[in-house]
Structure formats: structure tokens, C-alpha cells
Amino acid sequence: MNYDKDNTHRHNHRQDDEDSLDLFTAAISFLGINLMWIFFAGWVLFGMVPVLLLALFLNHLIDRLEIRIKEDQARNN
């Protein structure tokens, strides 16, 4: 079967990409809401300094993850 001429295959693939993007958006939103209440609870319990340190630590981890993803993409291209 030649998938280049089969429009239903391409449509299904496009639909799968849109579904996965919707799930990714929902996961990021859920993570953001959870981070807000965790930061607020930490602020109430421990004060602002530990919350800022946690935020800096999370930012550092996200930066390291971004660098690793870019390196993997450069290796694969």
C-alpha cells in the first residue's frame, strides 16, 4: 500500500499529532497549577527564601533539560 497517496493515513497521523498536543497542553497547565499551590504552601510554611531557592533549582533543572534535548536533536540531525 502506498501511503503517499492514501489521504486517510495522513489525516489520521495529523489527528494523532493534534491529540498529543492537546494532552501536552493539559499536562503543562496541570503542572503550572500544582506548582502554584506548592509554592504558596511553601511560602506559608517556610517563608519566601526557601520558595525562591526551590524556584531557582527548578529553573536550573529545566535549563539542563533544554540543553540535553537540543544536544539530542543536534545529534539526530
Foldseek 3Di string as FASTA:
>chain_A
DDPVPDVVVVVVVVVVVVVVVVVVVVVVVVVVVVLVVVLVVCCVPPNDVVSVVVVVVVVVVVVVVVVVVVVVVVVVD
